[in-house]
N, C-alpha and C. Protein backbone atom coordinates (compact mmCIF):
# COMPACT_ATOMS: atom_id res chain seq x y z
N UNK A 1 16.02 3.81 -33.79
CA UNK A 1 14.93 3.12 -33.31
C UNK A 1 15.39 2.11 -32.04
N UNK A 2 14.99 1.93 -31.11
CA UNK A 2 15.38 1.22 -29.79
C UNK A 2 15.04 -0.34 -30.38
N UNK A 3 16.23 -1.24 -30.16
CA UNK A 3 16.11 -2.77 -30.24
C UNK A 3 14.96 -3.18 -29.12
N UNK A 4 14.34 -4.01 -29.51
CA UNK A 4 12.89 -4.89 -29.02
C UNK A 4 13.46 -5.37 -27.46
N UNK A 5 14.80 -5.54 -27.52
CA UNK A 5 15.20 -6.24 -26.12
C UNK A 5 15.45 -4.86 -25.32
N UNK A 6 15.56 -3.67 -25.64
CA UNK A 6 15.81 -2.40 -25.04
C UNK A 6 14.59 -1.83 -24.25
N UNK A 7 13.49 -2.26 -24.25
CA UNK A 7 12.48 -1.73 -23.56
C UNK A 7 11.18 -2.54 -23.34
N UNK A 8 10.35 -2.58 -22.52
CA UNK A 8 9.10 -3.47 -22.32
C UNK A 8 7.96 -2.58 -22.16
N UNK A 9 6.86 -2.91 -22.84
CA UNK A 9 5.69 -2.11 -22.59
C UNK A 9 4.75 -3.22 -21.86
N UNK A 10 4.21 -2.25 -21.03
CA UNK A 10 3.26 -2.87 -19.91
C UNK A 10 2.10 -2.25 -19.63
N UNK A 11 0.97 -2.65 -19.33
CA UNK A 11 -0.19 -2.13 -19.25
C UNK A 11 -0.61 -1.47 -17.89
N UNK A 12 -0.87 -0.39 -17.80
CA UNK A 12 -1.75 0.39 -16.55
C UNK A 12 -2.78 0.77 -16.52
N UNK A 13 -3.35 0.34 -15.42
CA UNK A 13 -4.88 0.50 -15.33
C UNK A 13 -5.02 1.95 -14.83
N UNK A 14 -5.65 2.68 -15.11
CA UNK A 14 -6.07 4.10 -14.59
C UNK A 14 -7.54 4.19 -14.14
N UNK A 15 -7.77 4.33 -12.85
CA UNK A 15 -9.33 4.38 -12.41
C UNK A 15 -9.91 5.92 -12.48
N UNK A 16 -11.07 5.82 -13.12
CA UNK A 16 -11.52 7.45 -13.23
C UNK A 16 -11.72 7.97 -12.07
N UNK A 17 -12.32 7.32 -10.94
CA UNK A 17 -12.40 7.97 -9.47
C UNK A 17 -11.51 6.98 -8.68
N UNK A 18 -11.23 7.55 -7.59
CA UNK A 18 -10.56 6.68 -6.33
C UNK A 18 -11.38 5.99 -5.55
N UNK A 19 -11.17 5.14 -4.86
CA UNK A 19 -11.97 4.81 -3.74
C UNK A 19 -12.13 3.29 -3.65
N UNK A 20 -12.94 2.63 -2.57
CA UNK A 20 -13.24 1.16 -2.34
C UNK A 20 -13.74 0.57 -3.72
N UNK A 21 -14.52 1.25 -4.33
CA UNK A 21 -15.38 0.54 -5.40
C UNK A 21 -14.12 -0.25 -6.66
N UNK A 22 -13.03 0.27 -6.26
CA UNK A 22 -11.96 -0.22 -7.28
C UNK A 22 -11.20 -1.40 -6.54
N UNK A 23 -11.75 -1.89 -5.09
CA UNK A 23 -10.81 -2.82 -4.70
C UNK A 23 -10.49 -4.36 -5.17
N UNK A 24 -11.49 -4.85 -5.63
CA UNK A 24 -11.57 -6.28 -6.05
C UNK A 24 -10.74 -6.16 -7.62
N UNK A 25 -11.11 -5.29 -8.33
CA UNK A 25 -10.18 -4.88 -9.61
C UNK A 25 -8.77 -4.78 -9.23
N UNK A 26 -8.57 -3.97 -8.23
CA UNK A 26 -7.11 -3.53 -7.94
C UNK A 26 -6.44 -4.93 -7.42
N UNK A 27 -7.27 -5.75 -6.53
CA UNK A 27 -6.60 -6.88 -6.06
C UNK A 27 -6.17 -8.10 -6.99
N UNK A 28 -7.29 -8.27 -8.19
CA UNK A 28 -7.13 -8.94 -9.15
C UNK A 28 -5.83 -8.80 -9.95
N UNK A 29 -5.71 -7.77 -10.31
CA UNK A 29 -4.65 -6.97 -11.11
C UNK A 29 -3.33 -7.41 -10.60
N UNK A 30 -3.39 -7.08 -9.16
CA UNK A 30 -2.06 -7.21 -8.41
C UNK A 30 -1.61 -8.97 -8.40
N UNK A 31 -2.62 -9.70 -8.03
CA UNK A 31 -2.48 -11.25 -7.92
C UNK A 31 -1.98 -11.73 -9.48
N UNK A 32 -2.58 -11.01 -10.50
CA UNK A 32 -2.17 -11.41 -11.88
C UNK A 32 -0.62 -11.13 -12.07
N UNK A 33 -0.18 -9.89 -11.87
CA UNK A 33 0.89 -9.60 -11.81
C UNK A 33 1.92 -10.26 -11.18
N UNK A 34 1.48 -10.54 -9.92
CA UNK A 34 2.50 -11.32 -9.07
C UNK A 34 2.69 -12.81 -9.84
N UNK A 35 1.70 -13.23 -10.29
CA UNK A 35 1.92 -14.48 -10.71
C UNK A 35 2.89 -14.53 -11.94
N UNK A 36 2.61 -13.62 -12.93
CA UNK A 36 3.31 -13.26 -14.23
C UNK A 36 4.92 -13.26 -13.84
N UNK A 37 5.21 -12.43 -12.62
CA UNK A 37 6.25 -12.07 -11.96
C UNK A 37 7.21 -12.99 -11.15
N UNK A 38 6.30 -14.18 -10.82
CA UNK A 38 6.87 -15.13 -10.05
C UNK A 38 7.11 -14.36 -8.51
N UNK A 39 5.98 -13.51 -8.09
CA UNK A 39 6.54 -12.92 -6.56
C UNK A 39 5.37 -13.55 -5.74
N UNK A 40 5.87 -13.88 -4.45
CA UNK A 40 4.81 -14.86 -3.79
C UNK A 40 4.39 -13.90 -2.55
N UNK A 41 4.41 -12.60 -2.58
CA UNK A 41 4.19 -11.72 -1.30
C UNK A 41 3.70 -10.48 -1.79
N UNK A 42 2.43 -10.02 -1.16
CA UNK A 42 1.76 -8.69 -1.35
C UNK A 42 1.45 -8.24 0.10
N UNK A 43 2.12 -6.88 0.13
CA UNK A 43 1.78 -5.82 1.08
C UNK A 43 0.79 -5.15 0.93
N UNK A 44 -0.27 -5.46 1.88
CA UNK A 44 -1.38 -4.62 1.76
C UNK A 44 -1.79 -3.58 3.19
N UNK A 45 -2.18 -2.35 2.54
CA UNK A 45 -2.61 -1.53 3.73
C UNK A 45 -4.00 -1.83 4.07
N UNK A 46 -4.30 -1.93 5.25
CA UNK A 46 -5.85 -2.05 5.44
C UNK A 46 -6.15 -1.57 6.89
N UNK A 47 -6.96 -0.69 7.03
CA UNK A 47 -7.51 -0.15 8.53
C UNK A 47 -8.53 -0.67 9.05
N UNK A 48 -9.60 -1.00 8.58
CA UNK A 48 -10.69 -1.86 9.19
C UNK A 48 -10.54 -3.35 8.99
N UNK A 49 -9.89 -3.67 8.06
CA UNK A 49 -10.09 -5.14 7.61
C UNK A 49 -10.90 -5.83 6.53
N UNK A 50 -11.83 -5.04 5.87
CA UNK A 50 -12.48 -5.06 4.78
C UNK A 50 -12.10 -5.66 3.76
N UNK A 51 -10.87 -5.11 3.35
CA UNK A 51 -9.73 -5.06 2.00
C UNK A 51 -9.08 -6.19 2.31
N UNK A 52 -8.69 -6.56 3.39
CA UNK A 52 -7.89 -7.87 3.70
C UNK A 52 -8.67 -8.88 3.68
N UNK A 53 -9.89 -8.99 4.10
CA UNK A 53 -10.85 -10.19 3.88
C UNK A 53 -10.95 -10.56 2.51
N UNK A 54 -11.51 -9.69 1.62
CA UNK A 54 -11.68 -9.70 0.30
C UNK A 54 -10.18 -10.29 -0.31
N UNK A 55 -9.05 -9.56 0.11
CA UNK A 55 -7.63 -10.28 -0.58
C UNK A 55 -7.61 -11.72 -0.19
N UNK A 56 -8.02 -11.96 1.26
CA UNK A 56 -7.63 -13.54 1.84
C UNK A 56 -8.32 -14.18 0.86
N UNK A 57 -9.55 -14.06 0.84
CA UNK A 57 -10.18 -14.71 -0.28
C UNK A 57 -9.79 -15.11 -1.59
N UNK A 58 -9.23 -14.02 -2.40
CA UNK A 58 -8.89 -14.01 -3.84
C UNK A 58 -7.54 -14.89 -3.73
N UNK A 59 -6.76 -14.68 -2.65
CA UNK A 59 -5.42 -15.52 -2.62
C UNK A 59 -5.40 -16.69 -2.41
N UNK A 60 -6.95 -17.32 -1.71
CA UNK A 60 -6.79 -18.65 -1.11
C UNK A 60 -6.33 -19.73 -2.17
N UNK A 61 -5.54 -20.47 -1.77
CA UNK A 61 -4.61 -21.74 -2.36
C UNK A 61 -3.82 -21.10 -3.56
N UNK A 62 -3.36 -19.93 -3.66
CA UNK A 62 -2.57 -19.41 -4.94
C UNK A 62 -1.04 -19.47 -4.46
N UNK A 63 -0.64 -19.39 -3.01
CA UNK A 63 0.57 -19.66 -2.86
C UNK A 63 1.17 -18.50 -2.82
N UNK A 64 0.37 -17.18 -2.74
CA UNK A 64 0.81 -15.87 -2.39
C UNK A 64 0.46 -15.56 -1.11
N UNK A 65 1.33 -14.88 -0.34
CA UNK A 65 1.05 -14.70 1.27
C UNK A 65 1.04 -13.11 1.33
N UNK A 66 0.38 -12.45 2.39
CA UNK A 66 0.05 -11.27 2.58
C UNK A 66 0.86 -10.71 3.74
N UNK A 67 1.27 -9.49 3.75
CA UNK A 67 1.78 -8.78 5.02
C UNK A 67 0.77 -7.58 4.93
N UNK A 68 -0.19 -7.87 5.95
CA UNK A 68 -1.08 -6.65 6.21
C UNK A 68 -0.60 -5.43 6.91
N UNK A 69 -0.81 -4.39 6.59
CA UNK A 69 0.01 -3.14 7.48
C UNK A 69 -1.30 -2.24 8.02
N UNK A 70 -1.82 -2.62 9.18
CA UNK A 70 -2.82 -1.68 9.40
C UNK A 70 -2.24 -0.30 10.09
N UNK A 71 -3.13 0.66 10.61
CA UNK A 71 -2.63 1.78 11.37
C UNK A 71 -1.86 1.27 12.76
N UNK A 72 -1.01 2.02 13.10
CA UNK A 72 -0.02 1.66 14.45
C UNK A 72 -1.18 1.71 15.62
N UNK A 73 -1.04 0.97 16.67
CA UNK A 73 -1.66 1.46 17.77
C UNK A 73 -1.47 2.65 18.38
N UNK A 74 -2.48 3.57 18.67
CA UNK A 74 -2.44 5.10 19.37
C UNK A 74 -2.39 6.04 17.99
N UNK A 75 -2.62 5.55 16.63
CA UNK A 75 -2.95 6.67 15.80
C UNK A 75 -4.02 7.39 15.82
N UNK A 76 -5.19 6.49 16.24
CA UNK A 76 -6.49 7.11 16.84
C UNK A 76 -6.83 6.53 18.07
N UNK A 77 -8.26 6.88 18.56
CA UNK A 77 -8.43 6.70 19.70
C UNK A 77 -8.58 5.15 20.23
N UNK A 78 -9.01 4.17 18.97
CA UNK A 78 -9.04 3.00 19.20
C UNK A 78 -8.70 2.43 17.92
N UNK A 79 -7.84 1.07 17.83
CA UNK A 79 -7.53 0.30 17.27
C UNK A 79 -8.28 -0.24 16.05
N UNK A 80 -8.90 0.02 14.88
CA UNK A 80 -10.07 -0.57 14.08
C UNK A 80 -9.66 -1.67 13.51
N UNK A 81 -8.46 -2.35 13.45
CA UNK A 81 -8.44 -3.56 12.89
C UNK A 81 -8.82 -4.56 13.68
N UNK A 82 -9.58 -5.62 13.42
CA UNK A 82 -10.34 -6.72 14.16
C UNK A 82 -9.31 -7.69 14.80
N UNK A 83 -8.92 -7.88 16.11
CA UNK A 83 -8.06 -8.57 16.63
C UNK A 83 -8.39 -9.96 16.33
N UNK A 84 -9.58 -10.68 16.01
CA UNK A 84 -9.82 -11.81 15.38
C UNK A 84 -9.39 -11.99 14.23
N UNK A 85 -9.36 -11.04 13.28
CA UNK A 85 -9.06 -11.10 12.05
C UNK A 85 -7.52 -11.42 12.00
N UNK A 86 -6.90 -10.83 12.95
CA UNK A 86 -5.31 -10.88 12.64
C UNK A 86 -5.04 -12.50 13.02
N UNK A 87 -5.68 -12.99 14.00
CA UNK A 87 -5.49 -14.56 14.29
C UNK A 87 -5.72 -15.38 13.32
N UNK A 88 -7.04 -15.13 12.73
CA UNK A 88 -7.36 -15.48 11.42
C UNK A 88 -6.47 -15.47 10.15
N UNK A 89 -5.82 -14.47 9.73
CA UNK A 89 -4.97 -14.34 8.85
C UNK A 89 -3.63 -15.19 9.03
N UNK A 90 -3.33 -15.16 10.56
CA UNK A 90 -1.85 -15.97 11.05
C UNK A 90 -2.27 -17.44 10.99
N UNK A 91 -3.45 -17.55 10.78
CA UNK A 91 -3.69 -19.32 10.54
C UNK A 91 -3.66 -19.59 9.24
N UNK A 92 -3.75 -18.59 8.34
CA UNK A 92 -3.84 -18.64 7.18
C UNK A 92 -2.39 -18.64 6.37
N UNK A 93 -1.09 -18.26 7.47
CA UNK A 93 -0.05 -17.92 6.92
C UNK A 93 0.64 -16.65 6.40
N UNK A 94 -0.65 -15.76 6.52
CA UNK A 94 -0.32 -14.19 6.50
C UNK A 94 0.33 -13.53 7.58
N UNK A 95 0.71 -12.39 7.69
CA UNK A 95 1.31 -11.62 8.65
C UNK A 95 0.68 -10.42 8.80
N UNK A 96 0.68 -9.94 10.03
CA UNK A 96 -0.19 -8.69 10.37
C UNK A 96 1.16 -7.91 11.12
N UNK A 97 1.45 -6.44 10.56
CA UNK A 97 2.45 -5.75 11.33
C UNK A 97 1.85 -4.20 11.41
N UNK A 98 2.01 -4.26 12.81
CA UNK A 98 1.39 -2.94 13.30
C UNK A 98 2.57 -2.01 14.09
N UNK A 99 3.30 -1.53 12.93
CA UNK A 99 4.57 -0.85 12.90
C UNK A 99 4.20 0.59 12.90
N UNK A 100 5.18 1.48 13.45
CA UNK A 100 5.13 2.93 13.34
C UNK A 100 4.94 3.58 12.10
N UNK A 101 3.99 4.19 12.02
CA UNK A 101 3.61 4.86 10.60
C UNK A 101 4.67 6.10 10.17
N UNK A 102 5.50 5.78 9.37
CA UNK A 102 6.73 6.49 9.17
C UNK A 102 6.64 8.11 8.79
N UNK A 103 5.48 8.21 8.09
CA UNK A 103 5.17 9.78 7.45
C UNK A 103 4.29 10.32 8.50
N UNK A 104 4.24 9.95 9.72
CA UNK A 104 3.45 10.58 10.79
C UNK A 104 4.27 10.89 11.90
N UNK A 105 5.46 10.95 11.62
CA UNK A 105 6.41 11.02 12.80
C UNK A 105 6.91 12.43 13.23
N UNK A 106 6.42 13.67 12.43
CA UNK A 106 7.03 15.02 12.68
C UNK A 106 6.79 15.30 14.13
N UNK A 107 5.79 15.08 14.55
CA UNK A 107 5.50 15.49 16.18
C UNK A 107 6.49 15.15 16.84
N UNK A 108 6.72 13.76 16.75
CA UNK A 108 7.68 13.03 17.69
C UNK A 108 9.17 13.54 17.53
N UNK A 109 9.35 13.65 16.23
CA UNK A 109 10.90 13.77 15.86
C UNK A 109 11.18 15.33 15.89
N UNK A 110 10.27 16.40 15.61
CA UNK A 110 10.29 17.53 15.67
C UNK A 110 10.61 18.07 14.39
N UNK A 111 10.62 17.28 13.15
CA UNK A 111 11.21 17.88 11.98
C UNK A 111 9.80 17.80 10.96
N UNK A 112 9.92 18.60 9.78
CA UNK A 112 8.77 18.34 8.83
C UNK A 112 9.13 17.48 7.72
N UNK A 113 10.44 16.77 7.86
CA UNK A 113 10.63 15.97 6.49
C UNK A 113 9.61 14.86 6.48
N UNK A 114 9.04 14.21 7.47
CA UNK A 114 8.12 12.97 7.10
C UNK A 114 7.00 13.44 6.35
N UNK A 115 6.22 14.57 6.75
CA UNK A 115 5.19 15.18 6.19
C UNK A 115 5.48 15.89 4.82
N UNK A 116 6.65 16.21 4.54
CA UNK A 116 7.07 16.87 3.20
C UNK A 116 7.13 15.73 2.15
N UNK A 117 7.79 14.62 2.55
CA UNK A 117 8.02 13.28 2.14
C UNK A 117 6.36 12.83 1.44
N UNK A 118 5.87 12.79 2.57
CA UNK A 118 4.11 12.39 1.97
C UNK A 118 3.57 12.98 1.14
N UNK A 119 3.58 14.44 1.29
CA UNK A 119 3.11 15.52 0.31
C UNK A 119 3.57 15.15 -0.95
N UNK A 120 5.06 15.29 -1.16
CA UNK A 120 5.73 14.85 -2.54
C UNK A 120 5.16 13.51 -2.92
N UNK A 121 5.08 12.46 -2.24
CA UNK A 121 4.49 11.07 -3.00
C UNK A 121 3.21 11.18 -3.51
N UNK A 122 2.24 12.23 -2.70
CA UNK A 122 0.87 12.53 -2.92
C UNK A 122 0.74 13.14 -4.33
N UNK A 123 1.85 13.58 -4.72
CA UNK A 123 1.90 13.93 -6.08
C UNK A 123 1.46 13.04 -7.29
N UNK A 124 1.65 11.89 -6.88
CA UNK A 124 1.44 10.87 -7.76
C UNK A 124 0.04 10.38 -7.54
N UNK A 125 -0.32 10.12 -6.33
CA UNK A 125 -1.51 9.77 -5.59
C UNK A 125 -1.40 9.63 -4.27
N UNK A 126 -2.63 9.44 -3.44
CA UNK A 126 -2.53 9.17 -2.20
C UNK A 126 -1.98 7.61 -1.96
N UNK A 127 -2.24 6.72 -2.66
CA UNK A 127 -1.94 5.45 -2.69
C UNK A 127 -0.40 5.13 -3.06
N UNK A 128 -0.03 5.86 -3.58
CA UNK A 128 1.40 5.75 -4.05
C UNK A 128 2.33 6.17 -2.69
N UNK A 129 2.20 7.26 -1.92
CA UNK A 129 2.56 7.44 -0.87
C UNK A 129 2.46 6.23 0.15
N UNK A 130 1.18 5.66 0.52
CA UNK A 130 0.83 4.71 1.46
C UNK A 130 1.88 3.35 1.00
N UNK A 131 1.91 3.33 -0.46
CA UNK A 131 2.78 1.93 -0.84
C UNK A 131 4.18 2.12 -0.50
N UNK A 132 4.98 3.35 -0.55
CA UNK A 132 6.18 3.52 -0.18
C UNK A 132 6.18 3.57 1.35
N UNK A 133 5.21 3.67 2.33
CA UNK A 133 5.42 4.00 3.53
C UNK A 133 5.17 2.34 4.13
N UNK A 134 4.28 1.77 3.49
CA UNK A 134 3.99 0.26 4.07
C UNK A 134 5.15 -0.57 3.56
N UNK A 135 5.87 -0.61 2.72
CA UNK A 135 7.14 -1.29 2.28
C UNK A 135 8.19 -0.88 3.09
N UNK A 136 8.32 0.13 3.52
CA UNK A 136 9.36 0.53 4.52
C UNK A 136 9.17 0.07 5.93
N UNK A 137 7.81 0.36 6.32
CA UNK A 137 7.35 -0.39 7.43
C UNK A 137 7.57 -1.75 7.72
N UNK A 138 7.03 -2.73 6.80
CA UNK A 138 7.20 -4.17 6.56
C UNK A 138 8.62 -4.58 6.76
N UNK A 139 9.42 -3.80 5.74
CA UNK A 139 10.97 -4.32 5.71
C UNK A 139 11.62 -3.98 7.40
N UNK A 140 11.07 -2.68 7.89
CA UNK A 140 11.73 -2.51 9.21
C UNK A 140 11.25 -3.40 10.21
N UNK A 141 10.09 -4.24 9.94
CA UNK A 141 9.59 -5.00 11.00
C UNK A 141 9.92 -6.29 10.67
N UNK A 142 10.96 -6.87 9.51
CA UNK A 142 11.48 -8.06 9.22
C UNK A 142 10.53 -8.91 8.55
N UNK A 143 9.02 -8.21 8.21
CA UNK A 143 8.35 -8.85 7.31
C UNK A 143 8.48 -9.34 6.00
N UNK A 144 9.47 -8.33 5.59
CA UNK A 144 10.17 -8.02 4.13
C UNK A 144 11.74 -8.36 4.08
N UNK A 145 12.27 -9.01 3.31
CA UNK A 145 13.99 -9.09 3.26
C UNK A 145 14.15 -7.65 2.40
N UNK A 146 15.27 -6.91 2.71
CA UNK A 146 15.51 -5.94 1.94
C UNK A 146 16.14 -6.56 0.78
N UNK A 147 15.67 -5.79 -0.58
CA UNK A 147 16.05 -6.14 -1.92
C UNK A 147 14.90 -7.18 -2.28
N UNK A 148 13.99 -7.59 -1.60
CA UNK A 148 12.90 -8.63 -1.98
C UNK A 148 11.99 -7.99 -3.09
N UNK A 149 11.48 -8.47 -4.20
CA UNK A 149 10.66 -8.06 -4.91
C UNK A 149 9.29 -8.42 -4.59
N UNK A 150 8.41 -7.21 -4.41
CA UNK A 150 7.11 -7.54 -3.82
C UNK A 150 6.20 -6.96 -4.54
N UNK A 151 4.86 -6.94 -4.28
CA UNK A 151 3.52 -6.30 -4.95
C UNK A 151 3.18 -5.12 -3.64
N UNK A 152 2.80 -3.90 -3.68
CA UNK A 152 2.56 -3.00 -2.62
C UNK A 152 0.95 -2.66 -2.90
N UNK A 153 0.00 -2.75 -2.20
CA UNK A 153 -1.49 -2.52 -2.57
C UNK A 153 -2.00 -1.32 -1.39
N UNK A 154 -2.76 -0.57 -1.90
CA UNK A 154 -3.25 0.55 -1.00
C UNK A 154 -4.33 1.10 -1.64
N UNK A 155 -4.93 2.33 -0.88
CA UNK A 155 -6.07 2.99 -1.42
C UNK A 155 -5.94 4.37 -1.26
N UNK A 156 -6.92 4.84 -1.27
CA UNK A 156 -7.34 6.42 -1.00
C UNK A 156 -8.16 6.46 -0.05
N UNK A 157 -7.87 6.49 1.25
CA UNK A 157 -8.47 6.58 2.62
C UNK A 157 -8.98 5.37 2.85
N UNK A 158 -9.88 4.67 2.06
CA UNK A 158 -10.60 3.25 2.22
C UNK A 158 -10.25 2.68 0.92
N UNK A 159 -10.47 1.36 0.91
CA UNK A 159 -10.50 0.18 -0.01
C UNK A 159 -9.20 0.16 -0.79
N UNK A 160 -8.70 -0.18 -1.88
CA UNK A 160 -7.57 -0.21 -2.57
C UNK A 160 -7.84 0.13 -4.23
N UNK A 161 -7.01 1.05 -4.51
CA UNK A 161 -7.27 1.48 -5.76
C UNK A 161 -5.59 1.76 -6.67
N UNK A 162 -4.73 1.35 -5.76
CA UNK A 162 -3.13 1.81 -6.11
C UNK A 162 -2.54 0.34 -5.85
N UNK A 163 -1.63 -0.04 -6.68
CA UNK A 163 -0.86 -1.38 -6.82
C UNK A 163 0.63 -1.24 -7.74
N UNK A 164 1.57 -1.66 -6.97
CA UNK A 164 2.91 -1.35 -7.64
C UNK A 164 3.68 -2.48 -7.53
N UNK A 165 4.73 -2.57 -8.33
CA UNK A 165 5.80 -3.66 -8.14
C UNK A 165 6.88 -3.15 -7.42
N UNK A 166 7.48 -3.67 -6.51
CA UNK A 166 8.45 -2.79 -5.74
C UNK A 166 9.75 -3.61 -5.36
N UNK A 167 11.14 -3.02 -5.08
CA UNK A 167 11.99 -3.86 -4.51
C UNK A 167 11.78 -3.01 -2.88
N UNK A 168 11.90 -3.83 -1.97
CA UNK A 168 11.78 -3.58 -0.75
C UNK A 168 13.05 -3.13 -0.08
N UNK A 169 12.93 -2.14 1.12
CA UNK A 169 14.00 -1.69 1.68
C UNK A 169 13.72 -1.28 3.11
N UNK A 170 14.65 -0.95 3.91
CA UNK A 170 14.21 -0.58 5.25
C UNK A 170 14.43 1.19 5.18
N UNK A 171 13.76 1.69 6.41
CA UNK A 171 13.76 3.18 6.10
C UNK A 171 14.90 3.71 6.47
N UNK A 172 16.00 2.80 6.83
CA UNK A 172 17.35 3.41 7.23
C UNK A 172 18.20 3.36 5.94
N UNK A 173 17.74 2.65 4.65
CA UNK A 173 18.37 2.57 3.15
C UNK A 173 17.25 3.00 2.58
N UNK A 174 16.48 4.25 2.53
CA UNK A 174 15.39 4.41 1.56
C UNK A 174 15.76 4.49 0.06
N UNK A 175 17.23 4.92 -0.24
CA UNK A 175 17.44 4.74 -1.46
C UNK A 175 17.60 3.56 -2.23
N UNK A 176 17.47 2.77 -1.36
CA UNK A 176 17.27 1.34 -1.88
C UNK A 176 15.96 0.65 -2.43
N UNK A 177 14.91 1.48 -2.06
CA UNK A 177 13.47 1.16 -2.31
C UNK A 177 13.32 1.47 -3.88
N UNK A 178 12.72 0.60 -4.69
CA UNK A 178 12.46 1.03 -5.70
C UNK A 178 11.00 0.60 -6.39
N UNK A 179 10.54 1.66 -6.69
CA UNK A 179 9.06 1.33 -7.58
C UNK A 179 9.36 0.86 -8.80
N UNK A 180 9.44 -0.65 -9.38
CA UNK A 180 9.86 -0.76 -10.78
C UNK A 180 8.41 -0.86 -11.67
N UNK A 181 7.50 -1.02 -11.07
CA UNK A 181 5.88 -1.12 -11.98
C UNK A 181 5.12 -0.41 -11.23
N UNK A 182 4.22 0.40 -12.40
CA UNK A 182 2.88 0.77 -11.66
C UNK A 182 1.93 -0.09 -12.34
N UNK A 183 1.06 -0.79 -11.33
CA UNK A 183 0.01 -1.72 -11.92
C UNK A 183 -1.30 -1.04 -12.17
N UNK A 184 -1.64 -0.10 -11.39
CA UNK A 184 -2.81 0.69 -11.31
C UNK A 184 -2.84 1.76 -10.50
N UNK A 185 -3.56 2.78 -10.77
CA UNK A 185 -3.76 3.84 -9.88
C UNK A 185 -4.82 4.85 -10.31
N UNK A 186 -5.16 5.39 -9.51
CA UNK A 186 -6.43 6.52 -9.91
C UNK A 186 -5.75 7.65 -10.99
N UNK A 187 -6.54 8.04 -11.71
CA UNK A 187 -6.17 9.38 -12.43
C UNK A 187 -5.75 10.41 -11.54
N UNK A 188 -6.60 10.85 -10.60
CA UNK A 188 -6.25 11.95 -9.53
C UNK A 188 -6.77 11.71 -8.33
N UNK A 189 -5.80 12.24 -7.42
CA UNK A 189 -6.59 12.18 -5.70
C UNK A 189 -6.24 13.65 -5.53
N UNK A 190 -7.07 13.92 -4.50
CA UNK A 190 -6.67 14.98 -3.57
C UNK A 190 -5.60 14.92 -2.43
N UNK A 191 -5.03 16.12 -2.52
CA UNK A 191 -3.50 16.17 -1.49
C UNK A 191 -4.03 17.22 -0.29
N UNK A 192 -3.27 17.78 0.59
CA UNK A 192 -3.22 18.46 1.52
C UNK A 192 -2.05 19.12 2.02
N UNK A 193 -1.98 20.20 2.33
CA UNK A 193 -0.58 20.73 2.90
C UNK A 193 0.07 19.98 3.87
N UNK A 194 1.33 19.76 3.95
CA UNK A 194 2.23 19.17 4.81
C UNK A 194 1.75 19.71 6.14
N UNK A 195 1.62 18.54 7.23
CA UNK A 195 1.47 18.93 8.59
C UNK A 195 0.29 19.58 9.05
N UNK A 196 -0.98 19.26 8.19
CA UNK A 196 -2.38 19.78 8.32
C UNK A 196 -3.03 18.39 8.37
N UNK A 197 -4.46 18.50 8.82
CA UNK A 197 -5.22 17.48 8.79
C UNK A 197 -5.71 17.00 7.34
N UNK A 198 -5.94 16.04 7.26
CA UNK A 198 -6.45 15.58 5.66
C UNK A 198 -7.87 15.78 5.72
N UNK A 199 -8.31 16.05 4.37
CA UNK A 199 -9.90 16.28 4.31
C UNK A 199 -10.88 15.33 4.71
N UNK A 200 -11.97 15.55 4.79
CA UNK A 200 -13.06 14.41 5.14
C UNK A 200 -12.89 13.67 3.76
N UNK A 201 -13.28 12.43 4.47
CA UNK A 201 -13.48 11.17 3.13
C UNK A 201 -14.43 11.64 2.10
N UNK A 202 -15.54 12.39 2.53
CA UNK A 202 -16.37 12.76 1.51
C UNK A 202 -15.81 13.81 0.49
N UNK A 203 -14.80 14.68 1.04
CA UNK A 203 -14.10 15.39 -0.10
C UNK A 203 -13.18 14.77 -0.91
N UNK A 204 -12.64 13.57 -0.39
CA UNK A 204 -11.65 13.12 -1.28
C UNK A 204 -12.39 11.70 -2.24
N UNK A 205 -13.20 11.18 -1.71
CA UNK A 205 -13.73 10.06 -2.44
C UNK A 205 -15.29 10.39 -2.52
N UNK A 206 -15.65 10.36 -3.94
CA UNK A 206 -17.09 10.62 -4.34
C UNK A 206 -18.08 9.21 -4.14
N UNK A 207 -19.27 9.58 -3.74
CA UNK A 207 -19.98 8.63 -3.67
C UNK A 207 -19.59 7.43 -2.62
N UNK A 208 -18.88 7.79 -1.43
CA UNK A 208 -18.40 7.04 -0.51
C UNK A 208 -19.27 6.42 0.21
N UNK A 209 -19.19 5.35 0.91
CA UNK A 209 -20.25 4.43 1.64
C UNK A 209 -20.10 5.04 2.96
């Protein structure tokens, strides 16, 4: 039998269904774990800003700052993250980083490795894939220090349903990135073949708004 100082038991929350209905609970779990671990930075994926606004309200006066990572410019026909929200967040001491989405570069570099990595990470869930991607992006952009312990929060297409504690690293040293704790995730999310278009949101998230 292992001695008590040889292991640690932590709670993981599993959501029955993925999607934005889990956003507030996910953010509260992430903030609670940040306080317990003495972590003062949360990296958050956000496309349209709704999850960011919710997080900013929950983080008010907590001493915890966000690095928000929206879609890069040029990923779609328009940048959907509101510019006025970027300015508002910066006034609150948060950061917004519009970096290159590392798992969407196969057409640019002519290799299939990025999409293969994304597919592999989706075997855990879509949110884990995004958490790894935004951690690398934010460290590449200087928003995180390599080796810094942070919490990453993401979701399945919209909202937030996945949160992890991780040690940040840049994309040039991927082997130094480690997910040390899973705080919450959906039981199951749908994936899709590498280098193909993702399914419609209604096929991924039931009862989506």
